[in-house]
Structures are given as C-alpha cells and as structure tokens.
C-alpha cells in the first residue's frame, strides 16, 4: 500500500456496485463535491493497481474539475497547494484479493451514502457468490452473509 497522486483519466472504473452518484444539484451532488474538493481532499480514493475500488464520486468530481480547468486543493505541512488538473490523491494497493476488493467497496459505500435497495441486493448477491466460491455459506440452502 502506498499513497500516490494519480491522473484520474488513467483510472479504470470497472463493474461497481454503486451506480447512483447522488442528486443533480445541491451540496451532495457531484458539483457540490467538486466545489468541496477545490478547497481540499480529505479522503483519498482507493485503487487496486489502477482499478478504482472506492471513491467513485470523488473521481467523478475530479473529472468535472479537470474539465473546467480547475483542480483539487491540498494542504501539506500547513502550506496550501493545488494538484495538477485531473489529479487526485489515492491509496494504491498492488494485489488485493477479490474478497478484499469487495469488502473495501461495501464498507466505503455503506458508511457514506447508503446503497439503494437495488445496490444492496447486488452487494449481497456478489458477497454470497464469493462466499460460495470460497466454500463458505451455501446460498442454495438460504444461508446469507451478515451485511451491516
């Protein structure tokens, strides 16, 4: 694991559980998040290699800022600085297992903006499939993993 600055345009966004990125307007919108990121990024996105595992809304807001010719603000040792346009702070892992990747995505999203019912169902389905592959719970017998 290492902390890096990456060009969000080079990040791969594969099959994600979260599809609802929030309202079109207001402080919880991508535009509202982009305005917040201009002042500074608190939470990095999480990558497995260059594949996004957590932080889809932050990545989308960074893309919006870059398209507007602006960038994310940052503070280092009490000095304000700006990242290059389209760049974002990230925690980068080299080889997360499928279980670790799924756990990160579920934990990140359930502790922020809750999943929609459809996203909850998709998360449970994927978790059941993975547990079944690993020889854990038997979904055919109605066994279900505990998801908070």
N, C-alpha and C. Protein backbone atom coordinates (compact mmCIF):
# COMPACT_ATOMS: atom_id res chain seq x y z
N UNK A 1 0.85 -1.17 0.00
CA UNK A 1 0.00 0.00 0.00
C UNK A 1 0.90 1.23 0.00
N UNK A 2 0.51 2.20 -0.83
CA UNK A 2 1.24 3.46 -0.85
C UNK A 2 0.28 4.60 -1.19
N UNK A 3 0.64 5.79 -0.75
CA UNK A 3 -0.13 6.99 -1.07
C UNK A 3 0.47 7.62 -2.31
N UNK A 4 -0.38 7.91 -3.29
CA UNK A 4 0.08 8.45 -4.57
C UNK A 4 -0.87 9.53 -5.05
N UNK A 5 -0.41 10.28 -6.04
CA UNK A 5 -1.25 11.20 -6.78
C UNK A 5 -1.37 10.62 -8.18
N UNK A 6 -2.59 10.43 -8.67
CA UNK A 6 -2.77 9.81 -9.99
C UNK A 6 -3.66 10.70 -10.86
N UNK A 7 -3.48 10.56 -12.17
CA UNK A 7 -4.34 11.21 -13.14
C UNK A 7 -5.61 10.37 -13.22
N UNK A 8 -6.72 10.94 -12.82
CA UNK A 8 -7.98 10.18 -12.73
C UNK A 8 -8.40 9.63 -14.09
N UNK A 9 -7.94 10.24 -15.17
CA UNK A 9 -8.28 9.74 -16.52
C UNK A 9 -7.63 8.39 -16.80
N UNK A 10 -6.59 8.02 -16.04
CA UNK A 10 -5.92 6.73 -16.24
C UNK A 10 -6.46 5.64 -15.31
N UNK A 11 -7.42 6.01 -14.46
CA UNK A 11 -8.02 5.06 -13.52
C UNK A 11 -9.11 4.25 -14.24
N UNK A 12 -9.08 2.94 -14.05
CA UNK A 12 -10.10 2.06 -14.62
C UNK A 12 -11.27 1.97 -13.65
N UNK A 13 -12.46 2.19 -14.16
CA UNK A 13 -13.65 2.05 -13.32
C UNK A 13 -14.44 0.88 -13.89
N UNK A 14 -14.27 -0.28 -13.25
CA UNK A 14 -14.92 -1.50 -13.75
C UNK A 14 -16.28 -1.66 -13.08
N UNK A 15 -16.79 -2.84 -13.08
CA UNK A 15 -18.12 -3.16 -12.58
C UNK A 15 -18.26 -2.81 -11.10
N UNK A 16 -18.95 -1.72 -10.82
CA UNK A 16 -19.10 -1.23 -9.45
C UNK A 16 -20.52 -1.50 -8.95
N UNK A 17 -20.66 -1.64 -7.64
CA UNK A 17 -21.98 -1.80 -7.05
C UNK A 17 -22.72 -0.46 -7.11
N UNK A 18 -22.04 0.61 -6.71
CA UNK A 18 -22.66 1.94 -6.67
C UNK A 18 -22.89 2.43 -8.09
N UNK A 19 -24.15 2.71 -8.43
CA UNK A 19 -24.46 3.31 -9.73
C UNK A 19 -25.08 4.69 -9.55
N UNK A 20 -25.68 4.95 -8.39
CA UNK A 20 -26.30 6.24 -8.10
C UNK A 20 -25.25 7.16 -7.49
N UNK A 21 -24.81 8.15 -8.25
CA UNK A 21 -23.78 9.07 -7.77
C UNK A 21 -24.36 10.27 -7.01
N UNK A 22 -25.67 10.27 -6.77
CA UNK A 22 -26.26 11.32 -5.96
C UNK A 22 -27.11 12.28 -6.76
N UNK A 23 -27.66 13.30 -6.08
CA UNK A 23 -28.55 14.26 -6.73
C UNK A 23 -27.82 15.12 -7.76
N UNK A 24 -28.60 15.73 -8.66
CA UNK A 24 -28.01 16.58 -9.70
C UNK A 24 -27.58 17.94 -9.16
N UNK A 25 -28.23 18.42 -8.12
CA UNK A 25 -27.94 19.74 -7.57
C UNK A 25 -27.76 19.66 -6.06
N UNK A 26 -27.14 20.70 -5.51
CA UNK A 26 -27.01 20.79 -4.06
C UNK A 26 -25.66 20.33 -3.57
N UNK A 27 -25.44 20.44 -2.25
CA UNK A 27 -24.14 20.11 -1.68
C UNK A 27 -23.76 18.63 -1.78
N UNK A 28 -24.75 17.73 -1.92
CA UNK A 28 -24.46 16.30 -2.05
C UNK A 28 -24.29 15.85 -3.50
N UNK A 29 -24.39 16.79 -4.45
CA UNK A 29 -24.23 16.47 -5.86
C UNK A 29 -22.75 16.36 -6.20
N UNK A 30 -22.46 15.86 -7.38
CA UNK A 30 -21.07 15.78 -7.83
C UNK A 30 -20.49 17.20 -7.93
N UNK A 31 -21.29 18.16 -8.39
CA UNK A 31 -20.83 19.55 -8.46
C UNK A 31 -20.51 20.07 -7.06
N UNK A 32 -21.36 19.75 -6.08
CA UNK A 32 -21.11 20.17 -4.70
C UNK A 32 -19.84 19.55 -4.16
N UNK A 33 -19.61 18.27 -4.49
CA UNK A 33 -18.38 17.60 -4.06
C UNK A 33 -17.17 18.21 -4.76
N UNK A 34 -17.31 18.55 -6.05
CA UNK A 34 -16.20 19.18 -6.79
C UNK A 34 -15.83 20.51 -6.14
N UNK A 35 -16.82 21.29 -5.75
CA UNK A 35 -16.55 22.57 -5.08
C UNK A 35 -15.84 22.34 -3.76
N UNK A 36 -16.22 21.30 -3.04
CA UNK A 36 -15.56 20.95 -1.78
C UNK A 36 -14.11 20.52 -2.03
N UNK A 37 -13.89 19.71 -3.08
CA UNK A 37 -12.55 19.24 -3.39
C UNK A 37 -11.61 20.38 -3.81
N UNK A 38 -12.18 21.44 -4.39
CA UNK A 38 -11.35 22.59 -4.74
C UNK A 38 -10.69 23.17 -3.49
N UNK A 39 -11.37 23.06 -2.36
CA UNK A 39 -10.82 23.57 -1.09
C UNK A 39 -9.87 22.56 -0.45
N UNK A 40 -9.98 21.28 -0.80
CA UNK A 40 -9.07 20.28 -0.27
C UNK A 40 -9.70 18.90 -0.23
N UNK A 41 -8.90 17.89 -0.49
CA UNK A 41 -9.34 16.48 -0.47
C UNK A 41 -8.96 15.88 0.86
N UNK A 42 -9.95 15.38 1.58
CA UNK A 42 -9.71 14.77 2.89
C UNK A 42 -9.48 13.27 2.76
N UNK A 43 -10.30 12.63 1.96
CA UNK A 43 -10.28 11.17 1.83
C UNK A 43 -9.75 10.77 0.46
N UNK A 44 -8.70 9.95 0.39
CA UNK A 44 -8.20 9.51 -0.92
C UNK A 44 -9.13 8.48 -1.53
N UNK A 45 -9.02 8.32 -2.85
CA UNK A 45 -9.70 7.20 -3.49
C UNK A 45 -8.86 5.95 -3.21
N UNK A 46 -9.44 4.77 -3.43
CA UNK A 46 -8.71 3.51 -3.18
C UNK A 46 -8.61 2.76 -4.50
N UNK A 47 -7.37 2.37 -4.84
CA UNK A 47 -7.10 1.66 -6.08
C UNK A 47 -6.47 0.31 -5.82
N UNK A 48 -6.81 -0.66 -6.66
CA UNK A 48 -6.10 -1.93 -6.73
C UNK A 48 -5.37 -1.88 -8.07
N UNK A 49 -4.08 -1.63 -8.05
CA UNK A 49 -3.38 -1.29 -9.29
C UNK A 49 -3.90 0.07 -9.72
N UNK A 50 -4.54 0.13 -10.87
CA UNK A 50 -5.18 1.37 -11.33
C UNK A 50 -6.70 1.21 -11.42
N UNK A 51 -7.24 0.15 -10.82
CA UNK A 51 -8.69 -0.12 -10.83
C UNK A 51 -9.32 0.49 -9.58
N UNK A 52 -10.32 1.34 -9.77
CA UNK A 52 -10.99 2.02 -8.66
C UNK A 52 -11.79 1.03 -7.81
N UNK A 53 -11.56 1.06 -6.51
CA UNK A 53 -12.30 0.21 -5.58
C UNK A 53 -13.16 1.03 -4.64
N UNK A 54 -12.81 2.28 -4.36
CA UNK A 54 -13.61 3.16 -3.51
C UNK A 54 -13.31 4.60 -3.90
N UNK A 55 -14.36 5.41 -3.95
CA UNK A 55 -14.18 6.82 -4.26
C UNK A 55 -14.69 7.23 -5.63
N UNK A 56 -15.70 6.54 -6.13
CA UNK A 56 -16.26 6.86 -7.46
C UNK A 56 -16.78 8.28 -7.56
N UNK A 57 -17.44 8.77 -6.50
CA UNK A 57 -17.95 10.15 -6.52
C UNK A 57 -16.79 11.15 -6.51
N UNK A 58 -15.75 10.88 -5.73
CA UNK A 58 -14.59 11.78 -5.73
C UNK A 58 -13.91 11.79 -7.09
N UNK A 59 -13.79 10.60 -7.73
CA UNK A 59 -13.19 10.52 -9.05
C UNK A 59 -14.02 11.30 -10.07
N UNK A 60 -15.33 11.17 -10.02
CA UNK A 60 -16.22 11.91 -10.95
C UNK A 60 -16.09 13.42 -10.72
N UNK A 61 -16.00 13.83 -9.47
CA UNK A 61 -15.85 15.26 -9.15
C UNK A 61 -14.51 15.78 -9.66
N UNK A 62 -13.46 14.98 -9.55
CA UNK A 62 -12.14 15.36 -10.06
C UNK A 62 -12.19 15.54 -11.57
N UNK A 63 -12.88 14.63 -12.27
CA UNK A 63 -13.04 14.75 -13.73
C UNK A 63 -13.75 16.05 -14.08
N UNK A 64 -14.79 16.38 -13.32
CA UNK A 64 -15.54 17.61 -13.55
C UNK A 64 -14.63 18.83 -13.35
N UNK A 65 -13.84 18.82 -12.28
CA UNK A 65 -12.91 19.93 -12.04
C UNK A 65 -11.91 20.06 -13.18
N UNK A 66 -11.33 18.96 -13.61
CA UNK A 66 -10.36 19.00 -14.70
C UNK A 66 -10.96 19.54 -15.98
N UNK A 67 -12.19 19.15 -16.28
CA UNK A 67 -12.87 19.62 -17.49
C UNK A 67 -13.12 21.13 -17.42
N UNK A 68 -13.26 21.64 -16.19
CA UNK A 68 -13.47 23.10 -16.00
C UNK A 68 -12.15 23.85 -15.90
N UNK A 69 -11.02 23.14 -15.98
CA UNK A 69 -9.72 23.79 -15.89
C UNK A 69 -9.30 24.08 -14.46
N UNK A 70 -9.98 23.47 -13.50
CA UNK A 70 -9.65 23.67 -12.10
C UNK A 70 -9.03 22.38 -11.56
N UNK A 71 -8.72 22.37 -10.26
CA UNK A 71 -8.09 21.19 -9.69
C UNK A 71 -8.37 21.09 -8.19
N UNK A 72 -7.95 19.98 -7.61
CA UNK A 72 -8.13 19.71 -6.19
C UNK A 72 -7.11 20.48 -5.38
N UNK A 73 -7.58 21.06 -4.30
CA UNK A 73 -6.68 21.72 -3.37
C UNK A 73 -6.13 20.70 -2.39
N UNK A 74 -5.00 21.01 -1.79
CA UNK A 74 -4.40 20.11 -0.81
C UNK A 74 -3.58 20.94 0.17
N UNK A 75 -3.36 20.39 1.34
CA UNK A 75 -2.50 21.04 2.32
C UNK A 75 -1.39 20.09 2.69
N UNK A 76 -0.19 20.60 2.73
CA UNK A 76 0.97 19.82 3.15
C UNK A 76 1.82 20.69 4.05
N UNK A 77 2.02 20.23 5.25
CA UNK A 77 2.84 20.96 6.23
C UNK A 77 2.40 22.42 6.34
N UNK A 78 1.09 22.61 6.50
CA UNK A 78 0.46 23.92 6.70
C UNK A 78 0.60 24.85 5.51
N UNK A 79 0.95 24.32 4.34
CA UNK A 79 1.02 25.12 3.13
C UNK A 79 -0.05 24.64 2.16
N UNK A 80 -0.79 25.60 1.61
CA UNK A 80 -1.79 25.23 0.62
C UNK A 80 -1.12 25.00 -0.72
N UNK A 81 -1.63 24.04 -1.44
CA UNK A 81 -1.12 23.75 -2.78
C UNK A 81 -2.27 23.26 -3.64
N UNK A 82 -2.06 23.17 -4.92
CA UNK A 82 -3.06 22.65 -5.83
C UNK A 82 -2.45 21.47 -6.59
N UNK A 83 -3.25 20.42 -6.74
CA UNK A 83 -2.82 19.30 -7.58
C UNK A 83 -2.97 19.71 -9.04
N UNK A 84 -2.27 19.05 -9.93
CA UNK A 84 -2.46 19.30 -11.36
C UNK A 84 -3.90 18.95 -11.73
N UNK A 85 -4.47 19.64 -12.75
CA UNK A 85 -5.82 19.27 -13.19
C UNK A 85 -5.90 17.77 -13.48
N UNK A 86 -7.02 17.20 -13.14
CA UNK A 86 -7.33 15.77 -13.31
C UNK A 86 -6.58 14.86 -12.34
N UNK A 87 -5.80 15.40 -11.42
CA UNK A 87 -5.06 14.57 -10.47
C UNK A 87 -5.79 14.50 -9.13
N UNK A 88 -5.65 13.34 -8.48
CA UNK A 88 -6.36 13.07 -7.23
C UNK A 88 -5.46 12.23 -6.32
N UNK A 89 -5.63 12.42 -5.02
CA UNK A 89 -4.89 11.63 -4.04
C UNK A 89 -5.50 10.23 -3.96
N UNK A 90 -4.65 9.22 -3.84
CA UNK A 90 -5.14 7.83 -3.81
C UNK A 90 -4.29 6.97 -2.88
N UNK A 91 -4.93 5.95 -2.34
CA UNK A 91 -4.23 4.85 -1.67
C UNK A 91 -4.21 3.74 -2.71
N UNK A 92 -3.01 3.27 -3.04
CA UNK A 92 -2.88 2.28 -4.10
C UNK A 92 -2.33 0.96 -3.54
N UNK A 93 -3.09 -0.10 -3.78
CA UNK A 93 -2.67 -1.46 -3.43
C UNK A 93 -2.21 -2.15 -4.71
N UNK A 94 -1.35 -3.15 -4.58
CA UNK A 94 -0.87 -3.87 -5.76
C UNK A 94 -1.71 -5.09 -6.09
N UNK A 95 -2.05 -5.89 -5.08
CA UNK A 95 -2.75 -7.14 -5.37
C UNK A 95 -3.75 -7.47 -4.26
N UNK A 96 -4.89 -6.83 -4.27
CA UNK A 96 -5.94 -7.17 -3.32
C UNK A 96 -6.67 -8.41 -3.81
N UNK A 97 -7.06 -9.28 -2.89
CA UNK A 97 -7.88 -10.44 -3.28
C UNK A 97 -9.27 -9.93 -3.67
N UNK A 98 -10.03 -10.75 -4.36
CA UNK A 98 -11.40 -10.37 -4.73
C UNK A 98 -12.22 -10.08 -3.48
N UNK A 99 -11.99 -10.85 -2.40
CA UNK A 99 -12.71 -10.63 -1.15
C UNK A 99 -12.35 -9.25 -0.57
N UNK A 100 -11.07 -8.91 -0.55
CA UNK A 100 -10.65 -7.61 -0.02
C UNK A 100 -11.22 -6.47 -0.85
N UNK A 101 -11.23 -6.63 -2.18
CA UNK A 101 -11.78 -5.59 -3.06
C UNK A 101 -13.26 -5.37 -2.78
N UNK A 102 -14.02 -6.45 -2.66
CA UNK A 102 -15.45 -6.35 -2.40
C UNK A 102 -15.71 -5.76 -1.02
N UNK A 103 -14.95 -6.18 -0.04
CA UNK A 103 -15.10 -5.66 1.33
C UNK A 103 -14.85 -4.14 1.36
N UNK A 104 -13.80 -3.68 0.68
CA UNK A 104 -13.49 -2.25 0.65
C UNK A 104 -14.64 -1.48 0.02
N UNK A 105 -15.15 -1.95 -1.12
CA UNK A 105 -16.24 -1.25 -1.80
C UNK A 105 -17.50 -1.20 -0.94
N UNK A 106 -17.85 -2.31 -0.31
CA UNK A 106 -19.06 -2.34 0.51
C UNK A 106 -18.89 -1.45 1.74
N UNK A 107 -17.77 -1.56 2.44
CA UNK A 107 -17.56 -0.76 3.65
C UNK A 107 -17.52 0.73 3.33
N UNK A 108 -16.84 1.10 2.26
CA UNK A 108 -16.76 2.52 1.87
C UNK A 108 -18.15 3.08 1.60
N UNK A 109 -18.93 2.35 0.83
CA UNK A 109 -20.21 2.89 0.41
C UNK A 109 -21.28 2.80 1.49
N UNK A 110 -21.27 1.77 2.29
CA UNK A 110 -22.31 1.67 3.32
C UNK A 110 -22.06 2.65 4.46
N UNK A 111 -20.81 3.10 4.64
CA UNK A 111 -20.54 4.05 5.71
C UNK A 111 -20.69 5.50 5.25
N UNK A 112 -20.87 5.72 3.99
CA UNK A 112 -21.08 7.06 3.45
C UNK A 112 -22.56 7.18 3.12
N UNK A 113 -22.85 7.44 1.85
CA UNK A 113 -24.23 7.48 1.37
C UNK A 113 -24.67 6.03 1.23
N UNK A 114 -25.74 5.66 1.91
CA UNK A 114 -26.21 4.28 1.88
C UNK A 114 -26.52 3.81 0.47
N UNK A 115 -26.40 2.51 0.26
CA UNK A 115 -26.77 1.92 -1.02
C UNK A 115 -28.28 2.05 -1.22
N UNK A 116 -28.71 2.11 -2.49
CA UNK A 116 -30.12 1.98 -2.80
C UNK A 116 -30.50 0.52 -2.56
N UNK A 117 -31.79 0.21 -2.57
CA UNK A 117 -32.21 -1.19 -2.38
C UNK A 117 -31.63 -2.09 -3.46
N UNK A 118 -31.59 -1.60 -4.70
CA UNK A 118 -31.04 -2.40 -5.79
C UNK A 118 -29.54 -2.63 -5.59
N UNK A 119 -28.82 -1.60 -5.12
CA UNK A 119 -27.39 -1.75 -4.87
C UNK A 119 -27.14 -2.69 -3.69
N UNK A 120 -27.99 -2.62 -2.65
CA UNK A 120 -27.90 -3.56 -1.53
C UNK A 120 -28.04 -4.99 -2.02
N UNK A 121 -29.04 -5.22 -2.87
CA UNK A 121 -29.29 -6.56 -3.39
C UNK A 121 -28.10 -7.06 -4.21
N UNK A 122 -27.52 -6.18 -5.03
CA UNK A 122 -26.37 -6.56 -5.83
C UNK A 122 -25.17 -6.89 -4.94
N UNK A 123 -24.95 -6.10 -3.88
CA UNK A 123 -23.83 -6.35 -2.96
C UNK A 123 -24.00 -7.70 -2.28
N UNK A 124 -25.21 -8.00 -1.83
CA UNK A 124 -25.46 -9.28 -1.15
C UNK A 124 -25.28 -10.45 -2.13
N UNK A 125 -25.77 -10.28 -3.37
CA UNK A 125 -25.61 -11.33 -4.37
C UNK A 125 -24.14 -11.62 -4.64
N UNK A 126 -23.34 -10.56 -4.81
CA UNK A 126 -21.91 -10.74 -5.08
C UNK A 126 -21.21 -11.38 -3.88
N UNK A 127 -21.57 -10.94 -2.69
CA UNK A 127 -20.95 -11.48 -1.48
C UNK A 127 -21.30 -12.96 -1.32
N UNK A 128 -22.56 -13.31 -1.57
CA UNK A 128 -22.97 -14.72 -1.50
C UNK A 128 -22.21 -15.56 -2.52
N UNK A 129 -22.06 -15.04 -3.73
CA UNK A 129 -21.34 -15.77 -4.76
C UNK A 129 -19.89 -15.99 -4.38
N UNK A 130 -19.27 -14.96 -3.85
CA UNK A 130 -17.87 -15.06 -3.45
C UNK A 130 -17.70 -16.03 -2.29
N UNK A 131 -18.59 -15.96 -1.31
CA UNK A 131 -18.51 -16.87 -0.17
C UNK A 131 -18.73 -18.31 -0.64
N UNK A 132 -19.66 -18.49 -1.58
CA UNK A 132 -19.89 -19.82 -2.14
C UNK A 132 -18.65 -20.35 -2.84
N UNK A 133 -17.97 -19.49 -3.61
CA UNK A 133 -16.74 -19.89 -4.30
C UNK A 133 -15.65 -20.29 -3.32
N UNK A 134 -15.63 -19.62 -2.17
CA UNK A 134 -14.59 -19.88 -1.18
C UNK A 134 -14.96 -21.05 -0.26
N UNK A 135 -16.13 -21.67 -0.51
CA UNK A 135 -16.53 -22.83 0.27
C UNK A 135 -17.19 -22.47 1.58
N UNK A 136 -17.74 -21.27 1.66
CA UNK A 136 -18.37 -20.81 2.90
C UNK A 136 -19.84 -21.15 2.93
N UNK A 137 -20.68 -20.15 3.05
CA UNK A 137 -22.12 -20.34 3.16
C UNK A 137 -22.69 -20.96 1.89
N UNK A 138 -23.76 -21.70 2.05
CA UNK A 138 -24.43 -22.33 0.92
C UNK A 138 -25.69 -21.54 0.61
N UNK A 139 -25.63 -20.70 -0.45
CA UNK A 139 -26.76 -19.85 -0.82
C UNK A 139 -27.99 -20.68 -1.21
N UNK A 140 -27.78 -21.89 -1.74
CA UNK A 140 -28.91 -22.74 -2.14
C UNK A 140 -29.73 -23.19 -0.93
N UNK A 141 -29.11 -23.16 0.27
CA UNK A 141 -29.82 -23.53 1.49
C UNK A 141 -30.36 -22.30 2.23
N UNK A 142 -30.29 -21.16 1.55
CA UNK A 142 -30.81 -19.93 2.15
C UNK A 142 -29.87 -19.28 3.14
N UNK A 143 -28.62 -19.77 3.24
CA UNK A 143 -27.66 -19.14 4.14
C UNK A 143 -27.24 -17.80 3.57
N UNK A 144 -27.25 -16.76 4.40
CA UNK A 144 -26.91 -15.43 3.93
C UNK A 144 -25.81 -14.85 4.79
N UNK A 145 -24.89 -14.12 4.15
CA UNK A 145 -23.83 -13.47 4.92
C UNK A 145 -24.41 -12.29 5.70
N UNK A 146 -23.74 -11.95 6.78
CA UNK A 146 -24.15 -10.79 7.55
C UNK A 146 -23.57 -9.54 6.89
N UNK A 147 -24.43 -8.63 6.45
CA UNK A 147 -24.02 -7.36 5.86
C UNK A 147 -24.66 -6.26 6.67
N UNK A 148 -23.83 -5.36 7.21
CA UNK A 148 -24.40 -4.29 8.04
C UNK A 148 -25.05 -3.23 7.22
